[in-house]
C-alpha atoms as a PDB file:
ATOM      1  CA  MET A   1      15.985  33.249  -8.633  1.00  0.00           C
ATOM      2  CA  SER A   2      17.838  30.128  -7.545  1.00  0.00           C
ATOM      3  CA  THR A   3      16.000  27.041  -6.358  1.00  0.00           C
ATOM      4  CA  ASN A   4      16.659  25.127  -3.140  1.00  0.00           C
ATOM      5  CA  ASN A   5      18.513  22.446  -5.124  1.00  0.00           C
ATOM      6  CA  ASP A   6      20.800  25.123  -6.647  1.00  0.00           C
ATOM      7  CA  ILE A   7      21.832  26.203  -3.133  1.00  0.00           C
ATOM      8  CA  VAL A   8      21.964  22.749  -1.484  1.00  0.00           C
ATOM      9  CA  PRO A   9      22.123  19.884  -4.002  1.00  0.00           C
ATOM     10  CA  GLY A  10      19.326  17.358  -3.446  1.00  0.00           C
ATOM     11  CA  PHE A  11      17.529  19.526  -0.869  1.00  0.00           C
ATOM     12  CA  ASP A  12      14.107  19.158  -2.501  1.00  0.00           C
ATOM     13  CA  ASP A  13      14.443  15.438  -3.246  1.00  0.00           C
ATOM     14  CA  GLU A  14      11.969  14.769  -0.456  1.00  0.00           C
ATOM     15  CA  LYS A  15       8.826  16.817   0.263  1.00  0.00           C
ATOM     16  CA  ASP A  16       6.372  17.064   3.136  1.00  0.00           C
ATOM     17  CA  ASP A  17       3.156  19.072   2.818  1.00  0.00           C
ATOM     18  CA  SER A  18       3.096  19.843   6.556  1.00  0.00           C
ATOM     19  CA  LEU A  19       6.397  21.770   6.418  1.00  0.00           C
ATOM     20  CA  LYS A  20       7.620  23.866   3.504  1.00  0.00           C
ATOM     21  CA  ILE A  21      11.225  25.067   3.544  1.00  0.00           C
ATOM     22  CA  ARG A  22      12.628  27.711   1.206  1.00  0.00           C
ATOM     23  CA  LEU A  23      16.368  28.487   1.179  1.00  0.00           C
ATOM     24  CA  GLN A  24      18.136  31.790   0.656  1.00  0.00           C
ATOM     25  CA  LYS A  25      21.879  32.400   0.812  1.00  0.00           C
ATOM     26  CA  VAL A  26      23.024  35.440   2.772  1.00  0.00           C
ATOM     27  CA  GLU A  27      25.367  37.588   0.727  1.00  0.00           C
ATOM     28  CA  GLY A  28      28.418  38.918   2.562  1.00  0.00           C
ATOM     29  CA  VAL A  29      28.456  36.228   5.265  1.00  0.00           C
ATOM     30  CA  GLU A  30      30.387  33.057   4.417  1.00  0.00           C
ATOM     31  CA  GLY A  31      28.401  29.846   5.056  1.00  0.00           C
ATOM     32  CA  CYS A  32      25.199  31.668   6.065  1.00  0.00           C
ATOM     33  CA  LEU A  33      21.801  30.353   5.003  1.00  0.00           C
ATOM     34  CA  VAL A  34      18.226  31.421   5.748  1.00  0.00           C
ATOM     35  CA  LEU A  35      15.569  28.707   5.969  1.00  0.00           C
ATOM     36  CA  PHE A  36      12.040  30.079   5.610  1.00  0.00           C
ATOM     37  CA  LEU A  37       9.788  27.653   7.491  1.00  0.00           C
ATOM     38  CA  THR A  38       6.057  27.428   6.756  1.00  0.00           C
ATOM     39  CA  GLY A  39       3.755  24.964   8.506  1.00  0.00           C
ATOM     40  CA  TYR A  40       4.535  23.010  11.643  1.00  0.00           C
ATOM     41  CA  ILE A  41       7.141  20.676  13.142  1.00  0.00           C
ATOM     42  CA  ASP A  42       5.924  17.724  15.191  1.00  0.00           C
ATOM     43  CA  THR A  43       6.813  14.097  15.950  1.00  0.00           C
ATOM     44  CA  TYR A  44       5.665  12.953  12.517  1.00  0.00           C
ATOM     45  CA  ASN A  45       7.641  15.348  10.329  1.00  0.00           C
ATOM     46  CA  SER A  46      10.639  16.132  12.558  1.00  0.00           C
ATOM     47  CA  ASN A  47      12.715  13.440  10.833  1.00  0.00           C
ATOM     48  CA  PHE A  48      12.023  15.106   7.458  1.00  0.00           C
ATOM     49  CA  PHE A  49      13.004  18.478   9.000  1.00  0.00           C
ATOM     50  CA  GLN A  50      16.230  17.066  10.461  1.00  0.00           C
ATOM     51  CA  LYS A  51      17.249  15.433   7.179  1.00  0.00           C
ATOM     52  CA  ARG A  52      16.702  18.652   5.190  1.00  0.00           C
ATOM     53  CA  VAL A  53      18.658  20.860   7.603  1.00  0.00           C
ATOM     54  CA  SER A  54      21.427  18.253   7.960  1.00  0.00           C
ATOM     55  CA  LYS A  55      21.806  18.374   4.152  1.00  0.00           C
ATOM     56  CA  ALA A  56      22.380  22.143   4.435  1.00  0.00           C
ATOM     57  CA  ILE A  57      24.922  21.681   7.240  1.00  0.00           C
ATOM     58  CA  ASP A  58      26.686  18.968   5.211  1.00  0.00           C
ATOM     59  CA  SER A  59      26.913  21.526   2.361  1.00  0.00           C
ATOM     60  CA  ASN A  60      29.032  23.777   4.641  1.00  0.00           C
ATOM     61  CA  PHE A  61      26.302  26.090   5.875  1.00  0.00           C
ATOM     62  CA  TYR A  62      27.142  26.520   9.574  1.00  0.00           C
ATOM     63  CA  LYS A  63      25.529  29.908  10.159  1.00  0.00           C
ATOM     64  CA  ILE A  64      21.842  29.154   9.951  1.00  0.00           C
ATOM     65  CA  VAL A  65      18.931  31.558  10.258  1.00  0.00           C
ATOM     66  CA  PHE A  66      15.478  30.050  10.727  1.00  0.00           C
ATOM     67  CA  GLN A  67      12.780  32.497   9.586  1.00  0.00           C
ATOM     68  CA  CYS A  68       9.902  31.266  11.758  1.00  0.00           C
ATOM     69  CA  SER A  69       7.078  33.724  10.973  1.00  0.00           C
ATOM     70  CA  GLY A  70       5.254  31.030   8.958  1.00  0.00           C
ATOM     71  CA  LEU A  71       5.806  28.351  11.593  1.00  0.00           C
ATOM     72  CA  ASN A  72       2.580  27.934  13.542  1.00  0.00           C
ATOM     73  CA  TYR A  73       3.459  24.986  15.798  1.00  0.00           C
ATOM     74  CA  VAL A  74       6.559  23.236  17.141  1.00  0.00           C
ATOM     75  CA  SER A  75       6.339  20.181  19.395  1.00  0.00           C
ATOM     76  CA  SER A  76       8.985  19.239  21.945  1.00  0.00           C
ATOM     77  CA  THR A  77      10.393  16.841  19.319  1.00  0.00           C
ATOM     78  CA  GLY A  78      10.758  19.798  16.934  1.00  0.00           C
ATOM     79  CA  ILE A  79      12.585  21.801  19.614  1.00  0.00           C
ATOM     80  CA  GLY A  80      14.900  18.815  19.996  1.00  0.00           C
ATOM     81  CA  SER A  81      15.686  19.096  16.281  1.00  0.00           C
ATOM     82  CA  PHE A  82      16.752  22.744  16.691  1.00  0.00           C
ATOM     83  CA  THR A  83      18.962  21.688  19.619  1.00  0.00           C
ATOM     84  CA  ALA A  84      20.585  18.965  17.497  1.00  0.00           C
ATOM     85  CA  PHE A  85      21.355  21.534  14.772  1.00  0.00           C
ATOM     86  CA  LEU A  86      22.947  23.839  17.337  1.00  0.00           C
ATOM     87  CA  LYS A  87      25.161  20.973  18.545  1.00  0.00           C
ATOM     88  CA  ALA A  88      26.121  20.213  14.928  1.00  0.00           C
ATOM     89  CA  VAL A  89      27.138  23.762  13.908  1.00  0.00           C
ATOM     90  CA  LYS A  90      28.758  25.096  17.120  1.00  0.00           C
ATOM     91  CA  PRO A  91      31.932  22.936  16.880  1.00  0.00           C
ATOM     92  CA  LYS A  92      32.369  24.154  13.289  1.00  0.00           C
ATOM     93  CA  GLY A  93      32.304  27.814  14.351  1.00  0.00           C
ATOM     94  CA  GLY A  94      28.665  28.248  13.406  1.00  0.00           C
ATOM     95  CA  ASP A  95      25.499  29.216  15.214  1.00  0.00           C
ATOM     96  CA  ILE A  96      21.745  29.375  14.829  1.00  0.00           C
ATOM     97  CA  VAL A  97      19.480  32.417  14.853  1.00  0.00           C
ATOM     98  CA  LEU A  98      15.701  32.251  15.090  1.00  0.00           C
ATOM     99  CA  LEU A  99      13.621  35.078  13.605  1.00  0.00           C
ATOM    100  CA  GLU A 100      10.046  36.235  14.095  1.00  0.00           C
ATOM    101  CA  ILE A 101       8.889  33.387  16.308  1.00  0.00           C
ATOM    102  CA  GLN A 102       5.123  33.379  16.813  1.00  0.00           C
ATOM    103  CA  PRO A 103       4.135  33.768  20.492  1.00  0.00           C
ATOM    104  CA  LYS A 104       2.654  30.269  20.873  1.00  0.00           C
ATOM    105  CA  VAL A 105       5.791  28.712  19.342  1.00  0.00           C
ATOM    106  CA  TYR A 106       8.065  30.829  21.554  1.00  0.00           C
ATOM    107  CA  GLU A 107       6.034  29.664  24.560  1.00  0.00           C
ATOM    108  CA  VAL A 108       7.034  26.037  23.814  1.00  0.00           C
ATOM    109  CA  PHE A 109      10.719  27.081  23.694  1.00  0.00           C
ATOM    110  CA  GLN A 110      10.250  28.874  27.032  1.00  0.00           C
ATOM    111  CA  LEU A 111       8.308  26.102  28.768  1.00  0.00           C
ATOM    112  CA  LEU A 112      11.006  23.591  27.865  1.00  0.00           C
ATOM    113  CA  GLY A 113      13.743  26.005  28.985  1.00  0.00           C
ATOM    114  CA  PHE A 114      15.347  26.306  25.551  1.00  0.00           C
ATOM    115  CA  SER A 115      14.697  29.979  24.814  1.00  0.00           C
ATOM    116  CA  GLN A 116      17.953  30.939  26.531  1.00  0.00           C
ATOM    117  CA  PHE A 117      20.073  28.661  24.309  1.00  0.00           C
ATOM    118  CA  PHE A 118      19.037  30.182  21.012  1.00  0.00           C
ATOM    119  CA  ASN A 119      19.854  33.527  19.464  1.00  0.00           C
ATOM    120  CA  ILE A 120      16.507  35.145  18.823  1.00  0.00           C
ATOM    121  CA  LYS A 121      16.470  38.261  16.667  1.00  0.00           C
ATOM    122  CA  ASP A 122      13.718  40.538  15.393  1.00  0.00           C
ATOM    123  CA  ASN A 123      14.688  40.566  11.704  1.00  0.00           C
ATOM    124  CA  LEU A 124      17.144  39.309   9.094  1.00  0.00           C
ATOM    125  CA  GLU A 125      19.257  42.469   9.304  1.00  0.00           C
ATOM    126  CA  GLU A 126      19.916  41.818  13.020  1.00  0.00           C
ATOM    127  CA  ALA A 127      20.746  38.169  12.275  1.00  0.00           C
ATOM    128  CA  VAL A 128      23.260  39.171   9.579  1.00  0.00           C
ATOM    129  CA  LYS A 129      24.857  41.714  11.935  1.00  0.00           C
ATOM    130  CA  PHE A 130      25.111  39.002  14.593  1.00  0.00           C
ATOM    131  CA  PHE A 131      27.008  36.700  12.232  1.00  0.00           C
ATOM    132  CA  GLN A 132      29.187  39.530  10.915  1.00  0.00           C
ATOM    133  CA  ALA A 133      30.087  40.511  14.492  1.00  0.00           C
ATOM    134  CA  GLU A 134      30.974  36.941  15.486  1.00  0.00           C
ATOM    135  CA  GLY A 135      34.650  36.275  15.561  1.00  0.00           C
ATOM    136  CA  SER A 136      35.652  39.910  15.829  1.00  0.00           C
ATOM    137  CA  ALA A 137      38.108  40.712  18.591  1.00  0.00           C
ATOM    138  CA  ASP A 138      35.865  43.088  20.481  1.00  0.00           C
ATOM    139  CA  VAL A 139      32.188  42.749  19.686  1.00  0.00           C
ATOM    140  CA  ALA A 140      31.329  45.806  21.773  1.00  0.00           C
ATOM    141  CA  GLU A 141      33.161  47.998  19.259  1.00  0.00           C
ATOM    142  CA  ASN A 142      30.905  46.705  16.483  1.00  0.00           C
ATOM    143  CA  GLY A 143      27.920  48.596  17.799  1.00  0.00           C
ATOM    144  CA  VAL A 144      26.182  45.824  19.767  1.00  0.00           C
ATOM    145  CA  PHE A 145      25.339  48.320  22.516  1.00  0.00           C
ATOM    146  CA  PRO A 146      23.030  49.984  23.120  1.00  0.00           C
ATOM    147  CA  LYS A 147      20.952  46.859  22.416  1.00  0.00           C
ATOM    148  CA  THR A 148      17.180  46.946  22.114  1.00  0.00           C
ATOM    149  CA  PHE A 149      15.349  43.650  22.606  1.00  0.00           C
ATOM    150  CA  ASN A 150      12.126  42.113  23.905  1.00  0.00           C
ATOM    151  CA  CYS A 151      11.995  40.606  27.395  1.00  0.00           C
ATOM    152  CA  PRO A 152      11.852  36.810  26.900  1.00  0.00           C
ATOM    153  CA  ILE A 153       9.125  36.562  29.560  1.00  0.00           C
ATOM    154  CA  CYS A 154       6.697  39.465  29.046  1.00  0.00           C
ATOM    155  CA  SER A 155       7.873  40.800  25.638  1.00  0.00           C
ATOM    156  CA  LYS A 156       8.380  44.334  27.019  1.00  0.00           C
ATOM    157  CA  ARG A 157      10.731  46.319  24.779  1.00  0.00           C
ATOM    158  CA  LEU A 158      13.970  46.890  26.733  1.00  0.00           C
ATOM    159  CA  LYS A 159      17.285  48.593  26.099  1.00  0.00           C
ATOM    160  CA  ALA A 160      20.671  47.627  27.541  1.00  0.00           C
ATOM    161  CA  SER A 161      23.552  50.078  27.393  1.00  0.00           C
ATOM    162  CA  LYS A 162      26.198  47.469  28.244  1.00  0.00           C
ATOM    163  CA  ALA A 163      26.702  43.806  29.140  1.00  0.00           C
ATOM    164  CA  GLY A 164      25.632  42.706  32.610  1.00  0.00           C
ATOM    165  CA  ARG A 165      22.630  41.723  34.727  1.00  0.00           C
ATOM    166  CA  PHE A 166      19.475  43.768  35.155  1.00  0.00           C
ATOM    167  CA  ARG A 167      15.760  43.488  35.922  1.00  0.00           C
ATOM    168  CA  CYS A 168      12.912  43.849  33.410  1.00  0.00           C
ATOM    169  CA  SER A 169      10.982  47.008  34.229  1.00  0.00           C
ATOM    170  CA  GLU A 170       7.659  45.287  33.493  1.00  0.00           C
ATOM    171  CA  CYS A 171       7.717  41.735  34.909  1.00  0.00           C
ATOM    172  CA  LYS A 172      10.782  42.127  37.191  1.00  0.00           C
ATOM    173  CA  THR A 173      12.529  39.066  35.713  1.00  0.00           C
ATOM    174  CA  ILE A 174      16.300  39.112  36.191  1.00  0.00           C
ATOM    175  CA  LEU A 175      18.052  39.068  32.824  1.00  0.00           C
ATOM    176  CA  ALA A 176      21.692  38.875  31.781  1.00  0.00           C
ATOM    177  CA  ILE A 177      23.182  40.159  28.554  1.00  0.00           C
ATOM    178  CA  ASP A 178      26.656  39.156  27.383  1.00  0.00           C
ATOM    179  CA  ASN A 179      29.218  41.123  25.369  1.00  0.00           C
ATOM    180  CA  ALA A 180      27.802  39.721  22.108  1.00  0.00           C
ATOM    181  CA  GLY A 181      24.347  41.073  23.006  1.00  0.00           C
ATOM    182  CA  GLN A 182      22.830  37.666  23.794  1.00  0.00           C
ATOM    183  CA  VAL A 183      20.066  37.800  26.405  1.00  0.00           C
ATOM    184  CA  PHE A 184      19.673  35.071  29.019  1.00  0.00           C
ATOM    185  CA  LEU A 185      17.468  34.513  32.048  1.00  0.00           C
ATOM    186  CA  GLY A 186      19.106  35.130  35.382  1.00  0.00           C
END
């Protein structure tokens, strides 16, 4: 098994006990990297977090998946870090996917209005499919629809047969889904 430094040279040169990051390359998707996050991201360690992820981006990983199941807290400063990464990879044809966000962490994304800017998927397989589908001429032909997802407000399991606007059957929130299967409020 390869170490973090084998994947991104110098990645583990600095450590922080409050946030552990393990790297895994995604086979079959050029420039795709999974970062398994364990711990928390706050004002005190966000600089460490930004430096580590920037090292990965500088090593030509523009399609980044953050596995967040082990992340138990993110402050507004931490959310700002995710936003900075998104701004760094988008111009290079990349994107960010967040996986398995714990409810209290997702709530911070929602309260700050950032949940609609990030691609949030249920598992790594969905994240890989998202990156494989990107850049194809017609994403709809790649089996994006029907799309099953959780309502970003009440977490009700919903299914969309095509892109467009609709209302959550549980909380009545108006949602929009684009041709790539991304869900947005409103």
